[in-house]
Amino acid sequence: MEMTPFEYLEVAHNNWTLTMTMLQFQVTAWFGYLVAALSVGPRLTRFQVSILNLVFVVFCGWFMMGGRMSAIAAFEYANIARAALDMTELSSSRFGVVILPLQIIAMSVCLSFMWSLRRPKKK
């Protein structure tokens, strides 16, 4: 049984909503990590910081890749619907080129912030 173009658009919309939800979770993780770094970062042991960093990197990586896959699926379903309605295709190439590097930079900034709190500069 074939889906109608409007059902494909609904699935595309649901995938795009999932992408935005994953991005929101990731932004929440960034700010949560920064709050943890500011409030307890200097008092944590090396082992505790290692565990915190590992959980943070895995969490961010999971949501980066999951969000990217949901966005790709959203564009694919939207293109199927648009082809059935004789419309031009959408291009998904710019999404990953812009969003993924920004996510990696934000995660790196969070990690370097924790590093700078744990290793203050000597005068």
PDB file of N, CA and C in Angstrom:
ATOM      1  N   MET A   1       0.843  -1.175   0.000  1.00  0.00           N
ATOM      2  CA  MET A   1       0.000   0.000   0.000  1.00  0.00           C
ATOM      3  C   MET A   1       0.893   1.246   0.000  1.00  0.00           C
ATOM      4  N   GLU A   2       0.696   2.075  -0.976  1.00  0.00           N
ATOM      5  CA  GLU A   2       1.518   3.271  -1.163  1.00  0.00           C
ATOM      6  C   GLU A   2       0.960   4.435  -0.350  1.00  0.00           C
ATOM      7  N   MET A   3       1.850   5.207   0.213  1.00  0.00           N
ATOM      8  CA  MET A   3       1.436   6.400   0.956  1.00  0.00           C
ATOM      9  C   MET A   3       1.145   7.533  -0.024  1.00  0.00           C
ATOM     10  N   THR A   4       0.256   8.415   0.365  1.00  0.00           N
ATOM     11  CA  THR A   4      -0.034   9.594  -0.451  1.00  0.00           C
ATOM     12  C   THR A   4       1.070  10.627  -0.222  1.00  0.00           C
ATOM     13  N   PRO A   5       1.187  11.601  -1.132  1.00  0.00           N
ATOM     14  CA  PRO A   5       2.204  12.636  -0.934  1.00  0.00           C
ATOM     15  C   PRO A   5       2.027  13.394   0.381  1.00  0.00           C
ATOM     16  N   PHE A   6       0.804  13.564   0.806  1.00  0.00           N
ATOM     17  CA  PHE A   6       0.568  14.303   2.047  1.00  0.00           C
ATOM     18  C   PHE A   6       0.983  13.488   3.271  1.00  0.00           C
ATOM     19  N   GLU A   7       0.874  12.170   3.169  1.00  0.00           N
ATOM     20  CA  GLU A   7       1.369  11.316   4.257  1.00  0.00           C
ATOM     21  C   GLU A   7       2.895  11.363   4.308  1.00  0.00           C
ATOM     22  N   TYR A   8       3.526  11.405   3.129  1.00  0.00           N
ATOM     23  CA  TYR A   8       4.985  11.570   3.110  1.00  0.00           C
ATOM     24  C   TYR A   8       5.393  12.905   3.734  1.00  0.00           C
ATOM     25  N   LEU A   9       4.625  13.952   3.447  1.00  0.00           N
ATOM     26  CA  LEU A   9       4.927  15.256   4.047  1.00  0.00           C
ATOM     27  C   LEU A   9       4.752  15.222   5.560  1.00  0.00           C
ATOM     28  N   GLU A  10       3.767  14.475   6.032  1.00  0.00           N
ATOM     29  CA  GLU A  10       3.576  14.354   7.476  1.00  0.00           C
ATOM     30  C   GLU A  10       4.749  13.616   8.125  1.00  0.00           C
ATOM     31  N   VAL A  11       5.224  12.552   7.467  1.00  0.00           N
ATOM     32  CA  VAL A  11       6.381  11.830   7.991  1.00  0.00           C
ATOM     33  C   VAL A  11       7.614  12.730   7.961  1.00  0.00           C
ATOM     34  N   ALA A  12       7.762  13.519   6.889  1.00  0.00           N
ATOM     35  CA  ALA A  12       8.879  14.465   6.810  1.00  0.00           C
ATOM     36  C   ALA A  12       8.803  15.479   7.942  1.00  0.00           C
ATOM     37  N   HIS A  13       7.610  15.979   8.203  1.00  0.00           N
ATOM     38  CA  HIS A  13       7.430  16.942   9.296  1.00  0.00           C
ATOM     39  C   HIS A  13       7.776  16.307  10.638  1.00  0.00           C
ATOM     40  N   ASN A  14       7.356  15.072  10.856  1.00  0.00           N
ATOM     41  CA  ASN A  14       7.678  14.378  12.111  1.00  0.00           C
ATOM     42  C   ASN A  14       9.184  14.184  12.269  1.00  0.00           C
ATOM     43  N   ASN A  15       9.874  13.862  11.180  1.00  0.00           N
ATOM     44  CA  ASN A  15      11.332  13.713  11.243  1.00  0.00           C
ATOM     45  C   ASN A  15      12.002  15.051  11.514  1.00  0.00           C
ATOM     46  N   TRP A  16      11.488  16.117  10.920  1.00  0.00           N
ATOM     47  CA  TRP A  16      12.075  17.432  11.172  1.00  0.00           C
ATOM     48  C   TRP A  16      11.847  17.856  12.620  1.00  0.00           C
ATOM     49  N   THR A  17      10.674  17.529  13.168  1.00  0.00           N
ATOM     50  CA  THR A  17      10.393  17.813  14.574  1.00  0.00           C
ATOM     51  C   THR A  17      11.362  17.049  15.472  1.00  0.00           C
ATOM     52  N   LEU A  18      11.629  15.797  15.134  1.00  0.00           N
ATOM     53  CA  LEU A  18      12.604  15.006  15.892  1.00  0.00           C
ATOM     54  C   LEU A  18      13.994  15.633  15.815  1.00  0.00           C
ATOM     55  N   THR A  19      14.357  16.134  14.652  1.00  0.00           N
ATOM     56  CA  THR A  19      15.660  16.797  14.494  1.00  0.00           C
ATOM     57  C   THR A  19      15.767  18.008  15.414  1.00  0.00           C
ATOM     58  N   MET A  20      14.740  18.829  15.441  1.00  0.00           N
ATOM     59  CA  MET A  20      14.758  20.017  16.291  1.00  0.00           C
ATOM     60  C   MET A  20      14.748  19.637  17.775  1.00  0.00           C
ATOM     61  N   THR A  21      14.046  18.576  18.124  1.00  0.00           N
ATOM     62  CA  THR A  21      14.036  18.119  19.515  1.00  0.00           C
ATOM     63  C   THR A  21      15.426  17.668  19.933  1.00  0.00           C
ATOM     64  N   MET A  22      16.106  16.936  19.056  1.00  0.00           N
ATOM     65  CA  MET A  22      17.466  16.491  19.377  1.00  0.00           C
ATOM     66  C   MET A  22      18.411  17.667  19.505  1.00  0.00           C
ATOM     67  N   LEU A  23      18.237  18.675  18.676  1.00  0.00           N
ATOM     68  CA  LEU A  23      19.071  19.870  18.779  1.00  0.00           C
ATOM     69  C   LEU A  23      18.801  20.601  20.095  1.00  0.00           C
ATOM     70  N   GLN A  24      17.542  20.645  20.512  1.00  0.00           N
ATOM     71  CA  GLN A  24      17.214  21.276  21.792  1.00  0.00           C
ATOM     72  C   GLN A  24      17.821  20.511  22.966  1.00  0.00           C
ATOM     73  N   PHE A  25      17.784  19.185  22.909  1.00  0.00           N
ATOM     74  CA  PHE A  25      18.424  18.388  23.955  1.00  0.00           C
ATOM     75  C   PHE A  25      19.920  18.651  23.995  1.00  0.00           C
ATOM     76  N   GLN A  26      20.517  18.799  22.824  1.00  0.00           N
ATOM     77  CA  GLN A  26      21.952  19.039  22.788  1.00  0.00           C
ATOM     78  C   GLN A  26      22.303  20.408  23.363  1.00  0.00           C
ATOM     79  N   VAL A  27      21.531  21.425  23.040  1.00  0.00           N
ATOM     80  CA  VAL A  27      21.775  22.760  23.607  1.00  0.00           C
ATOM     81  C   VAL A  27      21.611  22.716  25.121  1.00  0.00           C
ATOM     82  N   THR A  28      20.617  21.965  25.593  1.00  0.00           N
ATOM     83  CA  THR A  28      20.429  21.796  27.033  1.00  0.00           C
ATOM     84  C   THR A  28      21.648  21.126  27.657  1.00  0.00           C
ATOM     85  N   ALA A  29      22.202  20.117  26.982  1.00  0.00           N
ATOM     86  CA  ALA A  29      23.397  19.440  27.494  1.00  0.00           C
ATOM     87  C   ALA A  29      24.586  20.393  27.545  1.00  0.00           C
ATOM     88  N   TRP A  30      24.734  21.255  26.526  1.00  0.00           N
ATOM     89  CA  TRP A  30      25.839  22.218  26.531  1.00  0.00           C
ATOM     90  C   TRP A  30      25.744  23.134  27.736  1.00  0.00           C
ATOM     91  N   PHE A  31      24.569  23.697  27.957  1.00  0.00           N
ATOM     92  CA  PHE A  31      24.428  24.630  29.082  1.00  0.00           C
ATOM     93  C   PHE A  31      24.507  23.908  30.423  1.00  0.00           C
ATOM     94  N   GLY A  32      23.980  22.702  30.488  1.00  0.00           N
ATOM     95  CA  GLY A  32      24.116  21.920  31.717  1.00  0.00           C
ATOM     96  C   GLY A  32      25.569  21.619  32.025  1.00  0.00           C
ATOM     97  N   TYR A  33      26.329  21.288  30.995  1.00  0.00           N
ATOM     98  CA  TYR A  33      27.759  21.024  31.177  1.00  0.00           C
ATOM     99  C   TYR A  33      28.480  22.281  31.646  1.00  0.00           C
ATOM    100  N   LEU A  34      28.135  23.426  31.057  1.00  0.00           N
ATOM    101  CA  LEU A  34      28.775  24.679  31.467  1.00  0.00           C
ATOM    102  C   LEU A  34      28.429  25.043  32.905  1.00  0.00           C
ATOM    103  N   VAL A  35      27.181  24.805  33.299  1.00  0.00           N
ATOM    104  CA  VAL A  35      26.785  25.070  34.692  1.00  0.00           C
ATOM    105  C   VAL A  35      27.561  24.146  35.629  1.00  0.00           C
ATOM    106  N   ALA A  36      27.677  22.875  35.246  1.00  0.00           N
ATOM    107  CA  ALA A  36      28.443  21.934  36.074  1.00  0.00           C
ATOM    108  C   ALA A  36      29.909  22.351  36.139  1.00  0.00           C
ATOM    109  N   ALA A  37      30.449  22.812  35.022  1.00  0.00           N
ATOM    110  CA  ALA A  37      31.843  23.250  35.009  1.00  0.00           C
ATOM    111  C   ALA A  37      32.054  24.446  35.921  1.00  0.00           C
ATOM    112  N   LEU A  38      31.132  25.381  35.889  1.00  0.00           N
ATOM    113  CA  LEU A  38      31.266  26.571  36.732  1.00  0.00           C
ATOM    114  C   LEU A  38      31.057  26.273  38.214  1.00  0.00           C
ATOM    115  N   SER A  39      30.071  25.435  38.502  1.00  0.00           N
ATOM    116  CA  SER A  39      29.724  25.236  39.908  1.00  0.00           C
ATOM    117  C   SER A  39      30.641  24.244  40.621  1.00  0.00           C
ATOM    118  N   VAL A  40      30.976  23.136  39.988  1.00  0.00           N
ATOM    119  CA  VAL A  40      31.772  22.127  40.694  1.00  0.00           C
ATOM    120  C   VAL A  40      33.037  21.718  39.950  1.00  0.00           C
ATOM    121  N   GLY A  41      33.264  22.281  38.777  1.00  0.00           N
ATOM    122  CA  GLY A  41      34.405  21.869  37.955  1.00  0.00           C
ATOM    123  C   GLY A  41      35.754  21.880  38.636  1.00  0.00           C
ATOM    124  N   PRO A  42      36.133  22.977  39.308  1.00  0.00           N
ATOM    125  CA  PRO A  42      37.453  23.014  39.931  1.00  0.00           C
ATOM    126  C   PRO A  42      37.621  22.025  41.087  1.00  0.00           C
ATOM    127  N   ARG A  43      36.520  21.586  41.685  1.00  0.00           N
ATOM    128  CA  ARG A  43      36.614  20.681  42.837  1.00  0.00           C
ATOM    129  C   ARG A  43      36.553  19.199  42.450  1.00  0.00           C
ATOM    130  N   LEU A  44      36.305  18.910  41.178  1.00  0.00           N
ATOM    131  CA  LEU A  44      36.199  17.510  40.756  1.00  0.00           C
ATOM    132  C   LEU A  44      37.574  16.873  40.621  1.00  0.00           C
ATOM    133  N   THR A  45      37.625  15.577  40.881  1.00  0.00           N
ATOM    134  CA  THR A  45      38.874  14.842  40.676  1.00  0.00           C
ATOM    135  C   THR A  45      39.048  14.569  39.188  1.00  0.00           C
ATOM    136  N   ARG A  46      40.233  14.146  38.826  1.00  0.00           N
ATOM    137  CA  ARG A  46      40.513  13.835  37.426  1.00  0.00           C
ATOM    138  C   ARG A  46      39.600  12.721  36.914  1.00  0.00           C
ATOM    139  N   PHE A  47      39.346  11.707  37.742  1.00  0.00           N
ATOM    140  CA  PHE A  47      38.471  10.599  37.353  1.00  0.00           C
ATOM    141  C   PHE A  47      37.041  11.095  37.131  1.00  0.00           C
ATOM    142  N   GLN A  48      36.545  11.935  38.022  1.00  0.00           N
ATOM    143  CA  GLN A  48      35.187  12.459  37.885  1.00  0.00           C
ATOM    144  C   GLN A  48      35.037  13.314  36.623  1.00  0.00           C
ATOM    145  N   VAL A  49      36.053  14.122  36.339  1.00  0.00           N
ATOM    146  CA  VAL A  49      36.018  14.942  35.127  1.00  0.00           C
ATOM    147  C   VAL A  49      36.069  14.049  33.887  1.00  0.00           C
ATOM    148  N   SER A  50      36.861  12.992  33.935  1.00  0.00           N
ATOM    149  CA  SER A  50      36.935  12.069  32.801  1.00  0.00           C
ATOM    150  C   SER A  50      35.586  11.412  32.541  1.00  0.00           C
ATOM    151  N   ILE A  51      34.915  10.967  33.585  1.00  0.00           N
ATOM    152  CA  ILE A  51      33.594  10.354  33.430  1.00  0.00           C
ATOM    153  C   ILE A  51      32.596  11.383  32.901  1.00  0.00           C
ATOM    154  N   LEU A  52      32.611  12.584  33.464  1.00  0.00           N
ATOM    155  CA  LEU A  52      31.712  13.646  33.012  1.00  0.00           C
ATOM    156  C   LEU A  52      31.956  13.970  31.540  1.00  0.00           C
ATOM    157  N   ASN A  53      33.213  14.078  31.141  1.00  0.00           N
ATOM    158  CA  ASN A  53      33.542  14.370  29.745  1.00  0.00           C
ATOM    159  C   ASN A  53      33.106  13.243  28.821  1.00  0.00           C
ATOM    160  N   LEU A  54      33.317  12.007  29.255  1.00  0.00           N
ATOM    161  CA  LEU A  54      32.924  10.861  28.435  1.00  0.00           C
ATOM    162  C   LEU A  54      31.412  10.848  28.216  1.00  0.00           C
ATOM    163  N   VAL A  55      30.656  11.031  29.280  1.00  0.00           N
ATOM    164  CA  VAL A  55      29.192  11.055  29.168  1.00  0.00           C
ATOM    165  C   VAL A  55      28.757  12.227  28.281  1.00  0.00           C
ATOM    166  N   PHE A  56      29.377  13.366  28.450  1.00  0.00           N
ATOM    167  CA  PHE A  56      29.028  14.550  27.661  1.00  0.00           C
ATOM    168  C   PHE A  56      29.297  14.328  26.174  1.00  0.00           C
ATOM    169  N   VAL A  57      30.469  13.792  25.854  1.00  0.00           N
ATOM    170  CA  VAL A  57      30.826  13.571  24.445  1.00  0.00           C
ATOM    171  C   VAL A  57      29.921  12.521  23.814  1.00  0.00           C
ATOM    172  N   VAL A  58      29.645  11.427  24.520  1.00  0.00           N
ATOM    173  CA  VAL A  58      28.760  10.385  23.984  1.00  0.00           C
ATOM    174  C   VAL A  58      27.356  10.942  23.788  1.00  0.00           C
ATOM    175  N   PHE A  59      26.857  11.674  24.768  1.00  0.00           N
ATOM    176  CA  PHE A  59      25.531  12.275  24.681  1.00  0.00           C
ATOM    177  C   PHE A  59      25.440  13.221  23.489  1.00  0.00           C
ATOM    178  N   CYS A  60      26.403  14.110  23.353  1.00  0.00           N
ATOM    179  CA  CYS A  60      26.386  15.064  22.244  1.00  0.00           C
ATOM    180  C   CYS A  60      26.547  14.367  20.895  1.00  0.00           C
ATOM    181  N   GLY A  61      27.424  13.387  20.842  1.00  0.00           N
ATOM    182  CA  GLY A  61      27.605  12.635  19.595  1.00  0.00           C
ATOM    183  C   GLY A  61      26.345  11.897  19.178  1.00  0.00           C
ATOM    184  N   TRP A  62      25.671  11.303  20.162  1.00  0.00           N
ATOM    185  CA  TRP A  62      24.419  10.598  19.888  1.00  0.00           C
ATOM    186  C   TRP A  62      23.386  11.545  19.285  1.00  0.00           C
ATOM    187  N   PHE A  63      23.230  12.722  19.889  1.00  0.00           N
ATOM    188  CA  PHE A  63      22.235  13.653  19.395  1.00  0.00           C
ATOM    189  C   PHE A  63      22.675  14.356  18.118  1.00  0.00           C
ATOM    190  N   MET A  64      23.973  14.515  17.893  1.00  0.00           N
ATOM    191  CA  MET A  64      24.433  15.079  16.625  1.00  0.00           C
ATOM    192  C   MET A  64      24.100  14.145  15.475  1.00  0.00           C
ATOM    193  N   MET A  65      24.453  12.870  15.635  1.00  0.00           N
ATOM    194  CA  MET A  65      24.221  11.912  14.554  1.00  0.00           C
ATOM    195  C   MET A  65      22.735  11.595  14.397  1.00  0.00           C
ATOM    196  N   GLY A  66      22.019  11.464  15.508  1.00  0.00           N
ATOM    197  CA  GLY A  66      20.589  11.199  15.425  1.00  0.00           C
ATOM    198  C   GLY A  66      19.835  12.334  14.765  1.00  0.00           C
ATOM    199  N   GLY A  67      20.191  13.552  15.120  1.00  0.00           N
ATOM    200  CA  GLY A  67      19.570  14.713  14.494  1.00  0.00           C
ATOM    201  C   GLY A  67      19.875  14.805  13.013  1.00  0.00           C
ATOM    202  N   ARG A  68      21.105  14.476  12.672  1.00  0.00           N
ATOM    203  CA  ARG A  68      21.504  14.502  11.257  1.00  0.00           C
ATOM    204  C   ARG A  68      20.734  13.451  10.462  1.00  0.00           C
ATOM    205  N   MET A  69      20.602  12.244  11.014  1.00  0.00           N
ATOM    206  CA  MET A  69      19.878  11.179  10.314  1.00  0.00           C
ATOM    207  C   MET A  69      18.392  11.527  10.169  1.00  0.00           C
ATOM    208  N   SER A  70      17.810  12.128  11.195  1.00  0.00           N
ATOM    209  CA  SER A  70      16.400  12.537  11.113  1.00  0.00           C
ATOM    210  C   SER A  70      16.216  13.632  10.063  1.00  0.00           C
ATOM    211  N   ALA A  71      17.161  14.549   9.977  1.00  0.00           N
ATOM    212  CA  ALA A  71      17.076  15.614   8.971  1.00  0.00           C
ATOM    213  C   ALA A  71      17.190  15.047   7.562  1.00  0.00           C
ATOM    214  N   ILE A  72      18.102  14.090   7.375  1.00  0.00           N
ATOM    215  CA  ILE A  72      18.238  13.459   6.055  1.00  0.00           C
ATOM    216  C   ILE A  72      16.946  12.752   5.675  1.00  0.00           C
ATOM    217  N   ALA A  73      16.356  12.016   6.624  1.00  0.00           N
ATOM    218  CA  ALA A  73      15.096  11.327   6.353  1.00  0.00           C
ATOM    219  C   ALA A  73      13.991  12.325   6.043  1.00  0.00           C
ATOM    220  N   ALA A  74      13.953  13.445   6.752  1.00  0.00           N
ATOM    221  CA  ALA A  74      12.932  14.458   6.498  1.00  0.00           C
ATOM    222  C   ALA A  74      13.036  14.987   5.073  1.00  0.00           C
ATOM    223  N   PHE A  75      14.263  15.283   4.631  1.00  0.00           N
ATOM    224  CA  PHE A  75      14.438  15.774   3.264  1.00  0.00           C
ATOM    225  C   PHE A  75      14.075  14.699   2.237  1.00  0.00           C
ATOM    226  N   GLU A  76      14.409  13.439   2.518  1.00  0.00           N
ATOM    227  CA  GLU A  76      14.073  12.372   1.574  1.00  0.00           C
ATOM    228  C   GLU A  76      12.564  12.209   1.439  1.00  0.00           C
ATOM    229  N   TYR A  77      11.847  12.180   2.557  1.00  0.00           N
ATOM    230  CA  TYR A  77      10.390  12.047   2.493  1.00  0.00           C
ATOM    231  C   TYR A  77       9.746  13.271   1.834  1.00  0.00           C
ATOM    232  N   ALA A  78      10.272  14.441   2.116  1.00  0.00           N
ATOM    233  CA  ALA A  78       9.727  15.643   1.479  1.00  0.00           C
ATOM    234  C   ALA A  78       9.960  15.611  -0.026  1.00  0.00           C
ATOM    235  N   ASN A  79      11.117  15.110  -0.452  1.00  0.00           N
ATOM    236  CA  ASN A  79      11.396  15.018  -1.887  1.00  0.00           C
ATOM    237  C   ASN A  79      10.504  13.984  -2.566  1.00  0.00           C
ATOM    238  N   ILE A  80      10.191  12.880  -1.872  1.00  0.00           N
ATOM    239  CA  ILE A  80       9.262  11.888  -2.434  1.00  0.00           C
ATOM    240  C   ILE A  80       7.894  12.535  -2.640  1.00  0.00           C
ATOM    241  N   ALA A  81       7.438  13.286  -1.643  1.00  0.00           N
ATOM    242  CA  ALA A  81       6.135  13.960  -1.752  1.00  0.00           C
ATOM    243  C   ALA A  81       6.162  15.012  -2.848  1.00  0.00           C
ATOM    244  N   ARG A  82       7.231  15.760  -2.917  1.00  0.00           N
ATOM    245  CA  ARG A  82       7.323  16.813  -3.931  1.00  0.00           C
ATOM    246  C   ARG A  82       7.389  16.229  -5.334  1.00  0.00           C
ATOM    247  N   ALA A  83       8.062  15.082  -5.479  1.00  0.00           N
ATOM    248  CA  ALA A  83       8.113  14.429  -6.796  1.00  0.00           C
ATOM    249  C   ALA A  83       6.726  13.937  -7.197  1.00  0.00           C
ATOM    250  N   ALA A  84       5.973  13.402  -6.247  1.00  0.00           N
ATOM    251  CA  ALA A  84       4.615  12.935  -6.548  1.00  0.00           C
ATOM    252  C   ALA A  84       3.690  14.092  -6.908  1.00  0.00           C
ATOM    253  N   LEU A  85       3.967  15.272  -6.392  1.00  0.00           N
ATOM    254  CA  LEU A  85       3.147  16.457  -6.684  1.00  0.00           C
ATOM    255  C   LEU A  85       3.726  17.292  -7.828  1.00  0.00           C
ATOM    256  N   ASP A  86       4.743  16.747  -8.538  1.00  0.00           N
ATOM    257  CA  ASP A  86       5.404  17.426  -9.659  1.00  0.00           C
ATOM    258  C   ASP A  86       5.995  18.770  -9.263  1.00  0.00           C
ATOM    259  N   MET A  87       6.700  18.777  -8.146  1.00  0.00           N
ATOM    260  CA  MET A  87       7.374  19.981  -7.671  1.00  0.00           C
ATOM    261  C   MET A  87       8.878  19.740  -7.721  1.00  0.00           C
ATOM    262  N   THR A  88       9.643  20.795  -7.591  1.00  0.00           N
ATOM    263  CA  THR A  88      11.091  20.653  -7.609  1.00  0.00           C
ATOM    264  C   THR A  88      11.575  20.027  -6.297  1.00  0.00           C
ATOM    265  N   GLU A  89      12.743  19.387  -6.366  1.00  0.00           N
ATOM    266  CA  GLU A  89      13.306  18.738  -5.179  1.00  0.00           C
ATOM    267  C   GLU A  89      13.968  19.751  -4.257  1.00  0.00           C
ATOM    268  N   LEU A  90      13.996  19.391  -2.977  1.00  0.00           N
ATOM    269  CA  LEU A  90      14.719  20.171  -1.983  1.00  0.00           C
ATOM    270  C   LEU A  90      16.146  19.653  -1.894  1.00  0.00           C
ATOM    271  N   SER A  91      17.062  20.494  -1.523  1.00  0.00           N
ATOM    272  CA  SER A  91      18.447  20.082  -1.337  1.00  0.00           C
ATOM    273  C   SER A  91      18.764  20.028   0.147  1.00  0.00           C
ATOM    274  N   SER A  92      19.324  18.903   0.589  1.00  0.00           N
ATOM    275  CA  SER A  92      19.676  18.761   2.005  1.00  0.00           C
ATOM    276  C   SER A  92      21.167  18.921   2.247  1.00  0.00           C
ATOM    277  N   SER A  93      21.917  19.247   1.211  1.00  0.00           N
ATOM    278  CA  SER A  93      23.371  19.260   1.344  1.00  0.00           C
ATOM    279  C   SER A  93      23.873  20.347   2.299  1.00  0.00           C
ATOM    280  N   ARG A  94      23.201  21.485   2.373  1.00  0.00           N
ATOM    281  CA  ARG A  94      23.691  22.578   3.204  1.00  0.00           C
ATOM    282  C   ARG A  94      23.425  22.366   4.689  1.00  0.00           C
ATOM    283  N   PHE A  95      22.443  21.555   5.024  1.00  0.00           N
ATOM    284  CA  PHE A  95      22.107  21.362   6.433  1.00  0.00           C
ATOM    285  C   PHE A  95      23.293  20.809   7.211  1.00  0.00           C
ATOM    286  N   GLY A  96      23.866  19.711   6.738  1.00  0.00           N
ATOM    287  CA  GLY A  96      24.995  19.092   7.431  1.00  0.00           C
ATOM    288  C   GLY A  96      26.256  19.921   7.375  1.00  0.00           C
ATOM    289  N   VAL A  97      26.420  20.655   6.290  1.00  0.00           N
ATOM    290  CA  VAL A  97      27.616  21.471   6.127  1.00  0.00           C
ATOM    291  C   VAL A  97      27.640  22.603   7.149  1.00  0.00           C
ATOM    292  N   VAL A  98      26.481  23.111   7.525  1.00  0.00           N
ATOM    293  CA  VAL A  98      26.413  24.235   8.450  1.00  0.00           C
ATOM    294  C   VAL A  98      26.237  23.776   9.895  1.00  0.00           C
ATOM    295  N   ILE A  99      25.278  22.891  10.140  1.00  0.00           N
ATOM    296  CA  ILE A  99      24.900  22.543  11.511  1.00  0.00           C
ATOM    297  C   ILE A  99      25.947  21.676  12.197  1.00  0.00           C
ATOM    298  N   LEU A 100      26.406  20.631  11.539  1.00  0.00           N
ATOM    299  CA  LEU A 100      27.327  19.685  12.183  1.00  0.00           C
ATOM    300  C   LEU A 100      28.618  20.349  12.658  1.00  0.00           C
ATOM    301  N   PRO A 101      29.291  21.173  11.840  1.00  0.00           N
ATOM    302  CA  PRO A 101      30.490  21.851  12.362  1.00  0.00           C
ATOM    303  C   PRO A 101      30.196  22.789  13.537  1.00  0.00           C
ATOM    304  N   LEU A 102      29.048  23.464  13.504  1.00  0.00           N
ATOM    305  CA  LEU A 102      28.695  24.336  14.628  1.00  0.00           C
ATOM    306  C   LEU A 102      28.479  23.524  15.904  1.00  0.00           C
ATOM    307  N   GLN A 103      27.877  22.356  15.780  1.00  0.00           N
ATOM    308  CA  GLN A 103      27.684  21.497  16.942  1.00  0.00           C
ATOM    309  C   GLN A 103      29.022  21.016  17.494  1.00  0.00           C
ATOM    310  N   ILE A 104      29.926  20.651  16.617  1.00  0.00           N
ATOM    311  CA  ILE A 104      31.249  20.182  17.049  1.00  0.00           C
ATOM    312  C   ILE A 104      32.023  21.328  17.708  1.00  0.00           C
ATOM    313  N   ILE A 105      31.923  22.523  17.154  1.00  0.00           N
ATOM    314  CA  ILE A 105      32.599  23.681  17.749  1.00  0.00           C
ATOM    315  C   ILE A 105      32.026  23.972  19.131  1.00  0.00           C
ATOM    316  N   ALA A 106      30.703  23.939  19.269  1.00  0.00           N
ATOM    317  CA  ALA A 106      30.083  24.208  20.571  1.00  0.00           C
ATOM    318  C   ALA A 106      30.507  23.172  21.602  1.00  0.00           C
ATOM    319  N   MET A 107      30.561  21.902  21.199  1.00  0.00           N
ATOM    320  CA  MET A 107      30.998  20.857  22.124  1.00  0.00           C
ATOM    321  C   MET A 107      32.461  21.068  22.515  1.00  0.00           C
ATOM    322  N   SER A 108      33.292  21.445  21.568  1.00  0.00           N
ATOM    323  CA  SER A 108      34.707  21.699  21.851  1.00  0.00           C
ATOM    324  C   SER A 108      34.885  22.894  22.776  1.00  0.00           C
ATOM    325  N   VAL A 109      34.083  23.922  22.589  1.00  0.00           N
ATOM    326  CA  VAL A 109      34.159  25.098  23.461  1.00  0.00           C
ATOM    327  C   VAL A 109      33.797  24.706  24.890  1.00  0.00           C
ATOM    328  N   CYS A 110      32.774  23.883  25.047  1.00  0.00           N
ATOM    329  CA  CYS A 110      32.385  23.433  26.394  1.00  0.00           C
ATOM    330  C   CYS A 110      33.521  22.647  27.050  1.00  0.00           C
ATOM    331  N   LEU A 111      34.134  21.745  26.300  1.00  0.00           N
ATOM    332  CA  LEU A 111      35.228  20.942  26.857  1.00  0.00           C
ATOM    333  C   LEU A 111      36.433  21.814  27.200  1.00  0.00           C
ATOM    334  N   SER A 112      36.743  22.783  26.336  1.00  0.00           N
ATOM    335  CA  SER A 112      37.890  23.647  26.626  1.00  0.00           C
ATOM    336  C   SER A 112      37.603  24.574  27.808  1.00  0.00           C
ATOM    337  N   PHE A 113      36.347  24.939  27.997  1.00  0.00           N
ATOM    338  CA  PHE A 113      35.975  25.755  29.158  1.00  0.00           C
ATOM    339  C   PHE A 113      36.228  24.982  30.447  1.00  0.00           C
ATOM    340  N   MET A 114      35.832  23.715  30.461  1.00  0.00           N
ATOM    341  CA  MET A 114      36.095  22.878  31.640  1.00  0.00           C
ATOM    342  C   MET A 114      37.605  22.745  31.847  1.00  0.00           C
ATOM    343  N   TRP A 115      38.349  22.568  30.767  1.00  0.00           N
ATOM    344  CA  TRP A 115      39.805  22.440  30.866  1.00  0.00           C
ATOM    345  C   TRP A 115      40.419  23.710  31.447  1.00  0.00           C
ATOM    346  N   SER A 116      39.927  24.865  31.004  1.00  0.00           N
ATOM    347  CA  SER A 116      40.500  26.121  31.508  1.00  0.00           C
ATOM    348  C   SER A 116      40.153  26.346  32.981  1.00  0.00           C
ATOM    349  N   LEU A 117      39.012  25.863  33.424  1.00  0.00           N
ATOM    350  CA  LEU A 117      38.669  25.978  34.846  1.00  0.00           C
ATOM    351  C   LEU A 117      39.524  25.043  35.698  1.00  0.00           C
ATOM    352  N   ARG A 118      39.833  23.892  35.146  1.00  0.00           N
ATOM    353  CA  ARG A 118      40.607  22.913  35.907  1.00  0.00           C
ATOM    354  C   ARG A 118      42.089  23.236  35.884  1.00  0.00           C
ATOM    355  N   ARG A 119      42.552  23.930  34.880  1.00  0.00           N
ATOM    356  CA  ARG A 119      43.972  24.272  34.744  1.00  0.00           C
ATOM    357  C   ARG A 119      44.132  25.779  34.657  1.00  0.00           C
ATOM    358  N   PRO A 120      43.992  26.481  35.762  1.00  0.00           N
ATOM    359  CA  PRO A 120      44.140  27.954  35.686  1.00  0.00           C
ATOM    360  C   PRO A 120      45.566  28.347  35.310  1.00  0.00           C
ATOM    361  N   LYS A 121      45.667  29.472  34.618  1.00  0.00           N
ATOM    362  CA  LYS A 121      46.980  29.961  34.193  1.00  0.00           C
ATOM    363  C   LYS A 121      47.760  30.447  35.410  1.00  0.00           C
ATOM    364  N   LYS A 122      49.032  30.124  35.411  1.00  0.00           N
ATOM    365  CA  LYS A 122      49.900  30.574  36.507  1.00  0.00           C
ATOM    366  C   LYS A 122      50.473  31.921  36.162  1.00  0.00           C
ATOM    367  N   LYS A 123      50.588  32.775  37.171  1.00  0.00           N
ATOM    368  CA  LYS A 123      51.113  34.121  36.943  1.00  0.00           C
ATOM    369  C   LYS A 123      52.601  34.149  37.153  1.00  0.00           C
TER     370      LYS A 123
END
